[in-house]
Amino acid sequence: MRLAAVLSAFSGLAFVAMAVPSVLSGHGSFSWQIAAMLACYGLLLIAGGILLWRGATSARGG
């Protein structure tokens, strides 16, 4: 479970990091919308990884 938690959190960090180039690409409001979705999904992955690390049963689907 610890490995899954760490990999989930790292995946979340990658999604948050991908939001930055999306904003900087210069395609107007579309870029901002994509960046917001990437950042939100990344933050959800990070939160899931933290919950899984702490052993929350909701993070394991139970």
PDB file of N, CA and C in Angstrom:
ATOM      1  N   MET A   1       0.806  -1.188   0.000  1.00  0.00           N
ATOM      2  CA  MET A   1       0.000   0.000   0.000  1.00  0.00           C
ATOM      3  C   MET A   1       0.856   1.261   0.000  1.00  0.00           C
ATOM      4  N   ARG A   2       1.981   1.194   0.647  1.00  0.00           N
ATOM      5  CA  ARG A   2       2.839   2.384   0.718  1.00  0.00           C
ATOM      6  C   ARG A   2       3.334   2.782  -0.671  1.00  0.00           C
ATOM      7  N   LEU A   3       3.681   1.790  -1.486  1.00  0.00           N
ATOM      8  CA  LEU A   3       4.159   2.078  -2.838  1.00  0.00           C
ATOM      9  C   LEU A   3       3.050   2.726  -3.662  1.00  0.00           C
ATOM     10  N   ALA A   4       1.842   2.226  -3.545  1.00  0.00           N
ATOM     11  CA  ALA A   4       0.710   2.812  -4.269  1.00  0.00           C
ATOM     12  C   ALA A   4       0.465   4.245  -3.825  1.00  0.00           C
ATOM     13  N   ALA A   5       0.596   4.512  -2.547  1.00  0.00           N
ATOM     14  CA  ALA A   5       0.390   5.861  -2.032  1.00  0.00           C
ATOM     15  C   ALA A   5       1.444   6.822  -2.581  1.00  0.00           C
ATOM     16  N   VAL A   6       2.690   6.389  -2.576  1.00  0.00           N
ATOM     17  CA  VAL A   6       3.774   7.246  -3.061  1.00  0.00           C
ATOM     18  C   VAL A   6       3.632   7.493  -4.558  1.00  0.00           C
ATOM     19  N   LEU A   7       3.319   6.459  -5.318  1.00  0.00           N
ATOM     20  CA  LEU A   7       3.174   6.619  -6.766  1.00  0.00           C
ATOM     21  C   LEU A   7       1.965   7.478  -7.119  1.00  0.00           C
ATOM     22  N   SER A   8       0.909   7.375  -6.356  1.00  0.00           N
ATOM     23  CA  SER A   8      -0.257   8.234  -6.579  1.00  0.00           C
ATOM     24  C   SER A   8       0.098   9.693  -6.342  1.00  0.00           C
ATOM     25  N   ALA A   9       0.804   9.954  -5.267  1.00  0.00           N
ATOM     26  CA  ALA A   9       1.201  11.329  -4.966  1.00  0.00           C
ATOM     27  C   ALA A   9       2.154  11.878  -6.025  1.00  0.00           C
ATOM     28  N   PHE A  10       3.098  11.069  -6.482  1.00  0.00           N
ATOM     29  CA  PHE A  10       4.012  11.527  -7.527  1.00  0.00           C
ATOM     30  C   PHE A  10       3.282  11.769  -8.843  1.00  0.00           C
ATOM     31  N   SER A  11       2.308  10.931  -9.153  1.00  0.00           N
ATOM     32  CA  SER A  11       1.498  11.158 -10.356  1.00  0.00           C
ATOM     33  C   SER A  11       0.741  12.472 -10.239  1.00  0.00           C
ATOM     34  N   GLY A  12       0.230  12.741  -9.059  1.00  0.00           N
ATOM     35  CA  GLY A  12      -0.461  14.006  -8.834  1.00  0.00           C
ATOM     36  C   GLY A  12       0.454  15.202  -9.029  1.00  0.00           C
ATOM     37  N   LEU A  13       1.665  15.082  -8.535  1.00  0.00           N
ATOM     38  CA  LEU A  13       2.640  16.163  -8.733  1.00  0.00           C
ATOM     39  C   LEU A  13       2.939  16.372 -10.214  1.00  0.00           C
ATOM     40  N   ALA A  14       2.989  15.283 -10.971  1.00  0.00           N
ATOM     41  CA  ALA A  14       3.237  15.398 -12.407  1.00  0.00           C
ATOM     42  C   ALA A  14       2.082  16.126 -13.102  1.00  0.00           C
ATOM     43  N   PHE A  15       0.851  15.828 -12.712  1.00  0.00           N
ATOM     44  CA  PHE A  15      -0.294  16.511 -13.311  1.00  0.00           C
ATOM     45  C   PHE A  15      -0.291  17.993 -12.956  1.00  0.00           C
ATOM     46  N   VAL A  16       0.032  18.317 -11.721  1.00  0.00           N
ATOM     47  CA  VAL A  16       0.106  19.726 -11.327  1.00  0.00           C
ATOM     48  C   VAL A  16       1.222  20.420 -12.105  1.00  0.00           C
ATOM     49  N   ALA A  17       2.339  19.740 -12.304  1.00  0.00           N
ATOM     50  CA  ALA A  17       3.446  20.324 -13.064  1.00  0.00           C
ATOM     51  C   ALA A  17       3.069  20.516 -14.533  1.00  0.00           C
ATOM     52  N   MET A  18       2.227  19.645 -15.084  1.00  0.00           N
ATOM     53  CA  MET A  18       1.803  19.802 -16.481  1.00  0.00           C
ATOM     54  C   MET A  18       0.839  20.966 -16.662  1.00  0.00           C
ATOM     55  N   ALA A  19       0.243  21.424 -15.584  1.00  0.00           N
ATOM     56  CA  ALA A  19      -0.669  22.558 -15.683  1.00  0.00           C
ATOM     57  C   ALA A  19       0.084  23.841 -16.021  1.00  0.00           C
ATOM     58  N   VAL A  20       1.306  23.958 -15.569  1.00  0.00           N
ATOM     59  CA  VAL A  20       2.084  25.183 -15.805  1.00  0.00           C
ATOM     60  C   VAL A  20       2.363  25.395 -17.295  1.00  0.00           C
ATOM     61  N   PRO A  21       2.901  24.416 -18.032  1.00  0.00           N
ATOM     62  CA  PRO A  21       3.114  24.647 -19.468  1.00  0.00           C
ATOM     63  C   PRO A  21       1.808  24.852 -20.230  1.00  0.00           C
ATOM     64  N   SER A  22       0.734  24.261 -19.724  1.00  0.00           N
ATOM     65  CA  SER A  22      -0.551  24.465 -20.383  1.00  0.00           C
ATOM     66  C   SER A  22      -0.969  25.924 -20.328  1.00  0.00           C
ATOM     67  N   VAL A  23      -0.765  26.567 -19.196  1.00  0.00           N
ATOM     68  CA  VAL A  23      -1.097  27.986 -19.070  1.00  0.00           C
ATOM     69  C   VAL A  23      -0.171  28.832 -19.939  1.00  0.00           C
ATOM     70  N   LEU A  24       1.092  28.460 -19.978  1.00  0.00           N
ATOM     71  CA  LEU A  24       2.080  29.259 -20.702  1.00  0.00           C
ATOM     72  C   LEU A  24       2.031  29.059 -22.212  1.00  0.00           C
ATOM     73  N   SER A  25       1.214  28.143 -22.707  1.00  0.00           N
ATOM     74  CA  SER A  25       1.169  27.888 -24.146  1.00  0.00           C
ATOM     75  C   SER A  25       0.521  29.027 -24.916  1.00  0.00           C
ATOM     76  N   GLY A  26      -0.275  29.854 -24.250  1.00  0.00           N
ATOM     77  CA  GLY A  26      -0.793  31.057 -24.890  1.00  0.00           C
ATOM     78  C   GLY A  26      -1.988  30.841 -25.801  1.00  0.00           C
ATOM     79  N   HIS A  27      -2.863  29.918 -25.475  1.00  0.00           N
ATOM     80  CA  HIS A  27      -4.049  29.689 -26.293  1.00  0.00           C
ATOM     81  C   HIS A  27      -5.300  30.256 -25.647  1.00  0.00           C
ATOM     82  N   GLY A  28      -5.152  31.258 -24.831  1.00  0.00           N
ATOM     83  CA  GLY A  28      -6.294  31.939 -24.256  1.00  0.00           C
ATOM     84  C   GLY A  28      -6.961  31.187 -23.130  1.00  0.00           C
ATOM     85  N   SER A  29      -8.282  31.330 -23.056  1.00  0.00           N
ATOM     86  CA  SER A  29      -9.026  30.755 -21.930  1.00  0.00           C
ATOM     87  C   SER A  29      -9.033  29.229 -21.965  1.00  0.00           C
ATOM     88  N   PHE A  30      -8.882  28.642 -23.159  1.00  0.00           N
ATOM     89  CA  PHE A  30      -8.846  27.182 -23.252  1.00  0.00           C
ATOM     90  C   PHE A  30      -7.670  26.624 -22.455  1.00  0.00           C
ATOM     91  N   SER A  31      -6.527  27.269 -22.544  1.00  0.00           N
ATOM     92  CA  SER A  31      -5.345  26.817 -21.803  1.00  0.00           C
ATOM     93  C   SER A  31      -5.581  26.882 -20.305  1.00  0.00           C
ATOM     94  N   TRP A  32      -6.241  27.942 -19.861  1.00  0.00           N
ATOM     95  CA  TRP A  32      -6.527  28.082 -18.434  1.00  0.00           C
ATOM     96  C   TRP A  32      -7.482  27.000 -17.953  1.00  0.00           C
ATOM     97  N   GLN A  33      -8.454  26.646 -18.786  1.00  0.00           N
ATOM     98  CA  GLN A  33      -9.412  25.611 -18.401  1.00  0.00           C
ATOM     99  C   GLN A  33      -8.733  24.245 -18.308  1.00  0.00           C
ATOM    100  N   ILE A  34      -7.895  23.943 -19.264  1.00  0.00           N
ATOM    101  CA  ILE A  34      -7.156  22.676 -19.237  1.00  0.00           C
ATOM    102  C   ILE A  34      -6.224  22.646 -18.029  1.00  0.00           C
ATOM    103  N   ALA A  35      -5.544  23.760 -17.771  1.00  0.00           N
ATOM    104  CA  ALA A  35      -4.639  23.831 -16.623  1.00  0.00           C
ATOM    105  C   ALA A  35      -5.395  23.637 -15.316  1.00  0.00           C
ATOM    106  N   ALA A  36      -6.576  24.217 -15.208  1.00  0.00           N
ATOM    107  CA  ALA A  36      -7.366  24.062 -13.990  1.00  0.00           C
ATOM    108  C   ALA A  36      -7.777  22.607 -13.795  1.00  0.00           C
ATOM    109  N   MET A  37      -8.177  21.950 -14.857  1.00  0.00           N
ATOM    110  CA  MET A  37      -8.562  20.540 -14.740  1.00  0.00           C
ATOM    111  C   MET A  37      -7.356  19.660 -14.392  1.00  0.00           C
ATOM    112  N   LEU A  38      -6.212  19.922 -15.005  1.00  0.00           N
ATOM    113  CA  LEU A  38      -5.008  19.158 -14.675  1.00  0.00           C
ATOM    114  C   LEU A  38      -4.614  19.363 -13.217  1.00  0.00           C
ATOM    115  N   ALA A  39      -4.681  20.604 -12.759  1.00  0.00           N
ATOM    116  CA  ALA A  39      -4.311  20.899 -11.372  1.00  0.00           C
ATOM    117  C   ALA A  39      -5.288  20.252 -10.396  1.00  0.00           C
ATOM    118  N   CYS A  40      -6.581  20.320 -10.693  1.00  0.00           N
ATOM    119  CA  CYS A  40      -7.577  19.694  -9.806  1.00  0.00           C
ATOM    120  C   CYS A  40      -7.390  18.188  -9.740  1.00  0.00           C
ATOM    121  N   TYR A  41      -7.181  17.566 -10.897  1.00  0.00           N
ATOM    122  CA  TYR A  41      -6.975  16.119 -10.912  1.00  0.00           C
ATOM    123  C   TYR A  41      -5.696  15.754 -10.162  1.00  0.00           C
ATOM    124  N   GLY A  42      -4.655  16.544 -10.347  1.00  0.00           N
ATOM    125  CA  GLY A  42      -3.407  16.295  -9.638  1.00  0.00           C
ATOM    126  C   GLY A  42      -3.573  16.431  -8.135  1.00  0.00           C
ATOM    127  N   LEU A  43      -4.315  17.440  -7.701  1.00  0.00           N
ATOM    128  CA  LEU A  43      -4.538  17.617  -6.267  1.00  0.00           C
ATOM    129  C   LEU A  43      -5.375  16.475  -5.690  1.00  0.00           C
ATOM    130  N   LEU A  44      -6.321  15.973  -6.461  1.00  0.00           N
ATOM    131  CA  LEU A  44      -7.095  14.816  -6.006  1.00  0.00           C
ATOM    132  C   LEU A  44      -6.219  13.568  -5.870  1.00  0.00           C
ATOM    133  N   LEU A  45      -5.302  13.387  -6.814  1.00  0.00           N
ATOM    134  CA  LEU A  45      -4.371  12.256  -6.710  1.00  0.00           C
ATOM    135  C   LEU A  45      -3.464  12.388  -5.500  1.00  0.00           C
ATOM    136  N   ILE A  46      -2.990  13.590  -5.249  1.00  0.00           N
ATOM    137  CA  ILE A  46      -2.140  13.817  -4.076  1.00  0.00           C
ATOM    138  C   ILE A  46      -2.923  13.543  -2.797  1.00  0.00           C
ATOM    139  N   ALA A  47      -4.151  14.046  -2.733  1.00  0.00           N
ATOM    140  CA  ALA A  47      -4.980  13.806  -1.547  1.00  0.00           C
ATOM    141  C   ALA A  47      -5.255  12.314  -1.370  1.00  0.00           C
ATOM    142  N   GLY A  48      -5.520  11.617  -2.462  1.00  0.00           N
ATOM    143  CA  GLY A  48      -5.731  10.169  -2.374  1.00  0.00           C
ATOM    144  C   GLY A  48      -4.496   9.436  -1.895  1.00  0.00           C
ATOM    145  N   GLY A  49      -3.333   9.868  -2.368  1.00  0.00           N
ATOM    146  CA  GLY A  49      -2.092   9.258  -1.922  1.00  0.00           C
ATOM    147  C   GLY A  49      -1.845   9.477  -0.435  1.00  0.00           C
ATOM    148  N   ILE A  50      -2.160  10.669   0.029  1.00  0.00           N
ATOM    149  CA  ILE A  50      -1.987  10.972   1.458  1.00  0.00           C
ATOM    150  C   ILE A  50      -2.955  10.133   2.291  1.00  0.00           C
ATOM    151  N   LEU A  51      -4.208  10.059   1.847  1.00  0.00           N
ATOM    152  CA  LEU A  51      -5.182   9.244   2.580  1.00  0.00           C
ATOM    153  C   LEU A  51      -4.793   7.772   2.591  1.00  0.00           C
ATOM    154  N   LEU A  52      -4.291   7.296   1.468  1.00  0.00           N
ATOM    155  CA  LEU A  52      -3.860   5.907   1.397  1.00  0.00           C
ATOM    156  C   LEU A  52      -2.665   5.661   2.310  1.00  0.00           C
ATOM    157  N   TRP A  53      -1.746   6.604   2.369  1.00  0.00           N
ATOM    158  CA  TRP A  53      -0.575   6.498   3.243  1.00  0.00           C
ATOM    159  C   TRP A  53      -1.005   6.414   4.705  1.00  0.00           C
ATOM    160  N   ARG A  54      -2.019   7.198   5.051  1.00  0.00           N
ATOM    161  CA  ARG A  54      -2.490   7.226   6.440  1.00  0.00           C
ATOM    162  C   ARG A  54      -3.393   6.035   6.767  1.00  0.00           C
ATOM    163  N   GLY A  55      -3.731   5.247   5.774  1.00  0.00           N
ATOM    164  CA  GLY A  55      -4.513   4.035   6.003  1.00  0.00           C
ATOM    165  C   GLY A  55      -6.018   4.246   6.064  1.00  0.00           C
ATOM    166  N   ALA A  56      -6.504   5.311   5.444  1.00  0.00           N
ATOM    167  CA  ALA A  56      -7.949   5.571   5.458  1.00  0.00           C
ATOM    168  C   ALA A  56      -8.673   4.499   4.632  1.00  0.00           C
ATOM    169  N   THR A  57      -9.716   3.936   5.208  1.00  0.00           N
ATOM    170  CA  THR A  57     -10.457   2.891   4.508  1.00  0.00           C
ATOM    171  C   THR A  57     -11.184   3.439   3.289  1.00  0.00           C
ATOM    172  N   SER A  58     -11.540   4.710   3.286  1.00  0.00           N
ATOM    173  CA  SER A  58     -12.216   5.288   2.122  1.00  0.00           C
ATOM    174  C   SER A  58     -11.282   5.362   0.918  1.00  0.00           C
ATOM    175  N   ALA A  59      -9.989   5.470   1.142  1.00  0.00           N
ATOM    176  CA  ALA A  59      -9.033   5.519   0.044  1.00  0.00           C
ATOM    177  C   ALA A  59      -8.856   4.153  -0.587  1.00  0.00           C
ATOM    178  N   ARG A  60      -9.205   3.104   0.141  1.00  0.00           N
ATOM    179  CA  ARG A  60      -9.060   1.740  -0.373  1.00  0.00           C
ATOM    180  C   ARG A  60     -10.359   1.199  -0.935  1.00  0.00           C
ATOM    181  N   GLY A  61     -11.398   2.024  -0.934  1.00  0.00           N
ATOM    182  CA  GLY A  61     -12.668   1.593  -1.496  1.00  0.00           C
ATOM    183  C   GLY A  61     -13.540   0.803  -0.518  1.00  0.00           C
ATOM    184  N   GLY A  62     -13.240   0.894   0.755  1.00  0.00           N
ATOM    185  CA  GLY A  62     -14.011   0.107   1.708  1.00  0.00           C
ATOM    186  C   GLY A  62     -14.755   0.908   2.726  1.00  0.00           C
TER     187      GLY A  62
END
